N, C-alpha and C. Protein backbone atom coordinates (compact mmCIF):
# COMPACT_ATOMS: atom_id res chain seq x y z
N MET A 1 90.06 114.13 47.92
CA MET A 1 89.49 113.54 46.91
C MET A 1 90.22 114.62 45.86
N TYR A 2 90.37 113.86 44.82
CA TYR A 2 91.00 114.70 43.60
C TYR A 2 89.91 114.34 42.27
N HIS A 3 89.52 115.43 41.63
CA HIS A 3 88.84 115.24 40.62
C HIS A 3 89.41 115.88 39.10
N GLN A 4 89.50 115.41 38.07
CA GLN A 4 89.64 115.71 36.59
C GLN A 4 88.71 115.24 36.19
N GLY A 5 88.31 116.16 35.02
CA GLY A 5 87.44 115.42 33.87
C GLY A 5 86.63 116.64 33.00
N ASN A 6 85.73 116.41 32.59
CA ASN A 6 84.99 117.21 31.58
C ASN A 6 84.34 118.37 32.37
N LEU A 7 84.13 119.46 31.49
CA LEU A 7 83.80 120.85 32.17
C LEU A 7 82.23 120.53 32.94
N GLY A 8 81.42 119.86 32.21
CA GLY A 8 80.38 119.73 32.93
C GLY A 8 80.47 118.86 33.73
N ALA A 9 80.95 117.81 33.90
CA ALA A 9 81.53 117.29 35.21
C ALA A 9 82.29 118.07 36.31
N LEU A 10 83.08 118.52 35.76
CA LEU A 10 83.73 119.63 36.73
C LEU A 10 82.72 120.43 37.49
N SER A 11 82.07 121.23 36.71
CA SER A 11 80.68 122.10 37.42
C SER A 11 80.02 121.35 38.12
N SER A 12 79.61 120.35 37.67
CA SER A 12 78.65 119.33 38.38
C SER A 12 79.19 119.08 40.07
N TRP A 13 80.62 118.53 39.68
CA TRP A 13 81.18 118.43 41.33
C TRP A 13 81.57 119.49 42.23
N CYS A 14 81.53 120.76 41.53
CA CYS A 14 81.93 122.13 42.26
C CYS A 14 80.52 122.58 42.76
N ARG A 15 79.52 122.73 42.02
CA ARG A 15 78.31 122.90 42.63
C ARG A 15 78.08 121.98 44.06
N ARG A 16 78.37 120.61 44.09
CA ARG A 16 78.32 119.88 45.02
C ARG A 16 79.35 120.27 46.34
N LYS A 17 80.40 120.82 45.96
CA LYS A 17 81.50 120.71 47.02
C LYS A 17 80.88 122.44 47.39
N HIS A 18 80.05 123.57 46.89
CA HIS A 18 79.31 124.49 47.21
C HIS A 18 78.63 124.57 48.30
N LEU A 19 77.93 123.06 47.90
CA LEU A 19 76.49 123.04 48.77
C LEU A 19 76.87 121.95 50.20
N HIS A 20 78.07 121.56 49.98
CA HIS A 20 78.58 121.07 51.10
C HIS A 20 79.66 122.06 51.98
N LEU A 21 80.01 123.27 51.20
CA LEU A 21 81.12 124.32 51.77
C LEU A 21 82.18 123.96 52.30
N LYS A 22 82.69 122.72 51.66
CA LYS A 22 83.71 122.31 52.10
C LYS A 22 84.90 123.16 51.10
N PRO A 23 86.15 123.81 51.53
CA PRO A 23 87.07 124.41 50.84
C PRO A 23 87.68 123.62 49.95
N PHE A 24 87.71 124.06 48.88
CA PHE A 24 88.47 123.38 47.25
C PHE A 24 89.35 123.69 46.82
N PHE A 25 90.52 123.79 45.90
CA PHE A 25 91.29 124.18 45.50
C PHE A 25 91.03 124.17 43.88
N PHE A 26 91.22 124.78 42.90
CA PHE A 26 91.50 124.41 41.49
C PHE A 26 92.98 125.25 41.24
N PHE A 27 93.54 123.98 40.90
CA PHE A 27 95.02 123.67 40.33
C PHE A 27 95.06 123.59 39.00
N CYS A 28 95.39 125.14 38.21
CA CYS A 28 95.70 125.47 37.18
C CYS A 28 96.74 125.28 36.81
N TYR A 29 96.86 124.10 35.60
CA TYR A 29 98.11 123.97 34.75
C TYR A 29 98.00 123.88 33.21
N HIS A 30 99.11 123.17 32.43
CA HIS A 30 99.07 123.22 31.40
C HIS A 30 99.70 121.61 31.78
N SER A 31 99.65 120.88 30.51
CA SER A 31 100.14 119.67 30.39
C SER A 31 102.04 119.49 30.22
N TRP A 32 102.06 120.64 29.74
CA TRP A 32 103.55 120.77 29.19
C TRP A 32 104.65 121.75 30.30
N CYS A 33 104.00 121.96 31.20
CA CYS A 33 104.75 123.13 32.15
C CYS A 33 105.45 122.15 33.52
N LYS A 34 106.59 122.36 33.39
CA LYS A 34 107.46 121.21 34.11
C LYS A 34 107.05 122.02 35.85
N PRO A 35 107.38 123.12 35.87
CA PRO A 35 107.03 123.44 37.39
C PRO A 35 105.40 123.36 38.08
N CYS A 36 104.53 123.01 37.18
CA CYS A 36 103.09 122.23 37.22
C CYS A 36 103.37 120.64 37.62
N HIS A 37 104.38 120.28 36.97
CA HIS A 37 104.58 118.86 37.02
C HIS A 37 105.04 118.89 38.82
N ALA A 38 106.01 119.83 39.21
CA ALA A 38 106.48 119.44 40.30
C ALA A 38 105.40 119.95 41.13
N LEU A 39 104.41 120.83 41.13
CA LEU A 39 103.79 120.82 42.18
C LEU A 39 102.53 119.91 42.11
N ALA A 40 102.21 119.63 41.12
CA ALA A 40 101.37 118.58 41.82
C ALA A 40 101.33 117.56 42.60
N PRO A 41 102.07 116.88 42.96
CA PRO A 41 102.28 115.87 43.80
C PRO A 41 102.32 116.46 45.32
N ARG A 42 103.02 117.46 45.45
CA ARG A 42 103.42 118.41 46.36
C ARG A 42 102.06 118.97 47.07
N LEU A 43 100.76 119.44 46.08
CA LEU A 43 99.19 119.51 46.61
C LEU A 43 98.70 118.26 46.72
N GLN A 44 99.04 117.21 46.32
CA GLN A 44 98.56 115.92 46.56
C GLN A 44 98.36 115.62 47.81
N GLU A 45 100.03 115.42 48.13
CA GLU A 45 100.21 115.10 49.31
C GLU A 45 99.96 115.95 50.75
N VAL A 46 99.72 116.89 50.17
CA VAL A 46 99.26 118.16 51.58
C VAL A 46 97.81 117.92 51.87
N ILE A 47 97.12 117.54 50.61
CA ILE A 47 95.59 117.55 50.94
C ILE A 47 95.26 116.37 51.43
N ALA A 48 96.12 115.09 50.80
CA ALA A 48 95.88 113.79 51.34
C ALA A 48 96.15 113.65 52.82
N GLU A 49 97.30 114.46 53.44
CA GLU A 49 97.51 114.67 55.08
C GLU A 49 96.27 115.29 55.69
N ARG A 50 95.22 115.94 55.04
CA ARG A 50 94.42 116.58 55.41
C ARG A 50 93.10 116.08 55.33
N PRO A 51 92.71 114.76 55.43
CA PRO A 51 91.58 114.16 54.93
C PRO A 51 90.26 114.82 55.59
N GLY A 52 89.41 115.10 54.44
CA GLY A 52 88.05 115.49 54.88
C GLY A 52 87.93 117.43 54.70
N ARG A 53 89.34 117.84 54.78
CA ARG A 53 89.65 119.62 55.25
C ARG A 53 89.67 120.25 54.01
N VAL A 54 89.73 119.68 52.67
CA VAL A 54 89.90 120.13 51.44
C VAL A 54 89.96 119.22 50.38
N GLN A 55 89.76 119.91 49.37
CA GLN A 55 89.40 118.96 47.59
C GLN A 55 90.25 119.76 46.56
N LEU A 56 90.24 118.82 46.29
CA LEU A 56 91.52 119.22 45.01
C LEU A 56 90.71 118.96 43.43
N ALA A 57 90.83 120.18 42.92
CA ALA A 57 90.67 120.02 40.92
C ALA A 57 91.21 120.45 40.42
N LYS A 58 91.87 119.50 39.48
CA LYS A 58 92.92 119.91 38.56
C LYS A 58 92.28 120.73 37.47
N ILE A 59 92.73 121.54 36.50
CA ILE A 59 92.05 122.20 35.61
C ILE A 59 93.36 122.28 34.29
N ASP A 60 93.22 121.59 33.82
CA ASP A 60 93.90 121.58 32.27
C ASP A 60 93.63 123.02 31.81
N VAL A 61 94.55 124.27 31.90
CA VAL A 61 93.76 125.91 31.12
C VAL A 61 93.95 125.79 29.43
N ASP A 62 94.66 124.87 28.65
CA ASP A 62 94.34 124.73 27.61
C ASP A 62 93.04 123.92 27.27
N GLU A 63 92.59 123.33 27.83
CA GLU A 63 90.89 122.58 27.59
C GLU A 63 89.85 123.33 27.95
N HIS A 64 90.05 124.45 29.27
CA HIS A 64 89.13 125.06 30.12
C HIS A 64 89.57 126.40 30.10
N THR A 65 89.78 126.65 28.65
CA THR A 65 90.04 128.74 28.56
C THR A 65 88.92 129.14 29.17
N ASP A 66 87.75 128.98 29.42
CA ASP A 66 87.09 129.63 29.60
C ASP A 66 86.84 129.81 31.40
N LEU A 67 87.46 128.92 32.09
CA LEU A 67 87.74 129.18 33.76
C LEU A 67 88.70 129.75 33.60
N ALA A 68 89.62 129.83 32.67
CA ALA A 68 91.17 130.26 33.02
C ALA A 68 90.75 132.02 32.64
N MET A 69 90.07 132.06 32.10
CA MET A 69 89.58 133.60 31.67
C MET A 69 88.75 134.23 32.65
N GLU A 70 87.96 133.46 33.55
CA GLU A 70 86.98 133.84 34.45
C GLU A 70 87.98 133.91 35.45
N TYR A 71 88.84 132.95 35.93
CA TYR A 71 89.62 133.00 37.28
C TYR A 71 90.92 133.75 36.82
N ASP A 72 91.27 134.62 35.64
CA ASP A 72 92.43 135.41 35.11
C ASP A 72 93.69 134.48 35.53
N VAL A 73 93.75 133.40 34.69
CA VAL A 73 94.87 132.68 34.85
C VAL A 73 95.63 133.00 33.62
N SER A 74 96.61 133.98 34.08
CA SER A 74 97.81 134.62 33.32
C SER A 74 99.02 134.04 32.84
N SER A 75 99.73 133.57 34.50
CA SER A 75 100.47 132.25 34.73
C SER A 75 100.29 131.27 35.04
N ILE A 76 100.58 130.49 35.22
CA ILE A 76 100.80 128.72 35.83
C ILE A 76 101.82 128.35 36.28
N PRO A 77 102.01 127.48 37.22
CA PRO A 77 100.87 126.99 37.70
C PRO A 77 100.72 128.05 38.59
N LYS A 78 98.83 127.99 38.43
CA LYS A 78 97.96 128.58 39.51
C LYS A 78 97.27 128.07 40.43
N VAL A 79 97.00 128.56 41.60
CA VAL A 79 96.13 127.66 42.53
C VAL A 79 95.26 128.65 43.37
N ILE A 80 94.04 128.42 43.10
CA ILE A 80 92.76 129.24 43.76
C ILE A 80 92.28 128.35 44.74
N MET A 81 92.01 129.06 45.95
CA MET A 81 91.61 128.18 47.28
C MET A 81 89.87 128.82 47.36
N PHE A 82 88.59 128.24 47.05
CA PHE A 82 87.71 128.73 47.33
C PHE A 82 87.34 128.10 49.09
N LYS A 83 86.47 128.88 49.16
CA LYS A 83 86.01 128.60 50.46
C LYS A 83 84.49 129.01 50.85
N GLU A 84 83.53 128.70 51.04
CA GLU A 84 82.17 128.92 50.70
C GLU A 84 81.87 129.42 50.09
N GLY A 85 82.09 128.84 48.65
CA GLY A 85 81.67 129.20 47.02
C GLY A 85 82.48 130.46 46.57
N LYS A 86 83.45 130.93 47.57
CA LYS A 86 84.14 131.98 47.24
C LYS A 86 85.58 132.10 47.24
N VAL A 87 86.28 132.97 46.31
CA VAL A 87 87.84 132.98 46.37
C VAL A 87 88.57 133.67 47.76
N ALA A 88 89.09 132.56 48.56
CA ALA A 88 89.63 133.09 49.80
C ALA A 88 91.28 133.20 49.38
N GLY A 89 91.75 132.38 48.35
CA GLY A 89 93.30 132.73 48.29
C GLY A 89 94.10 132.30 47.37
N GLU A 90 95.23 132.51 46.57
CA GLU A 90 95.90 132.13 45.51
C GLU A 90 97.29 132.18 45.70
N PHE A 91 97.87 131.46 45.06
CA PHE A 91 98.97 131.71 44.62
C PHE A 91 99.66 131.15 43.33
N ILE A 92 100.73 131.69 42.46
CA ILE A 92 101.08 131.63 41.82
C ILE A 92 102.51 131.31 41.35
N GLY A 93 102.92 129.96 40.45
CA GLY A 93 104.18 129.04 40.67
C GLY A 93 104.37 128.30 41.73
N LEU A 94 105.83 127.73 41.67
CA LEU A 94 105.78 126.58 42.07
C LEU A 94 106.18 127.18 43.59
N MET A 95 105.73 125.98 44.70
CA MET A 95 105.77 126.57 46.19
C MET A 95 106.47 125.47 46.68
N GLU A 96 107.19 125.67 47.98
CA GLU A 96 108.01 124.19 48.87
C GLU A 96 106.94 124.02 49.33
N LYS A 97 106.62 122.62 50.03
CA LYS A 97 105.90 121.99 50.75
C LYS A 97 105.42 122.65 52.07
N ASP A 98 106.24 122.92 52.70
CA ASP A 98 105.90 123.66 54.03
C ASP A 98 105.16 125.09 53.60
N LYS A 99 105.45 125.69 52.89
CA LYS A 99 104.40 127.04 52.57
C LYS A 99 102.94 126.79 52.23
N ILE A 100 102.92 124.93 50.99
CA ILE A 100 101.29 124.95 50.69
C ILE A 100 100.91 124.50 52.07
N GLU A 101 101.54 123.53 53.46
CA GLU A 101 100.95 123.32 54.23
C GLU A 101 100.30 124.73 54.98
N SER A 102 101.14 125.48 55.13
CA SER A 102 100.96 126.98 55.72
C SER A 102 99.47 127.59 55.28
N PHE A 103 100.06 127.51 54.02
CA PHE A 103 98.80 128.07 52.81
C PHE A 103 97.50 127.28 52.77
N VAL A 104 97.41 126.10 52.92
CA VAL A 104 95.99 125.00 53.24
C VAL A 104 95.45 125.46 54.41
N ASP A 105 96.84 125.22 55.54
CA ASP A 105 95.77 125.32 57.07
C ASP A 105 95.37 126.77 57.74
N ARG A 106 96.02 127.85 57.10
CA ARG A 106 95.14 129.14 57.05
C ARG A 106 93.76 129.44 56.34
N LEU A 107 93.80 128.65 55.52
CA LEU A 107 92.34 128.56 55.20
C LEU A 107 91.28 127.88 55.12
N THR A 108 91.66 126.80 55.84
CA THR A 108 90.95 125.71 56.41
C THR A 108 90.78 125.47 58.09
N LEU A 109 91.62 126.03 58.58
CA LEU A 109 91.41 125.96 60.11
C LEU A 109 90.58 126.83 60.86
């Protein structure tokens, strides 16, 4: 599943995911960021190949500065993995698909 929307809807979505204890990613990006545009389809593909194991929330840090500050997003793209409501891992920058697969599998299996 992929979610992008206003902060209220995002907060509600995240609360539902915490209640279900399903791992999810915050994909922090800027609309003008070329590495972000390259990373997005890779993330979506890896997650789509693992149905039901992980969710994805795409967050434009220009629109959600409070989340960017809360999760110390000083470089983009930044991907933060949450498991059982807590940060379980993260990476910054463009990553190849096989490394994203390893990252997801390590945190969701």
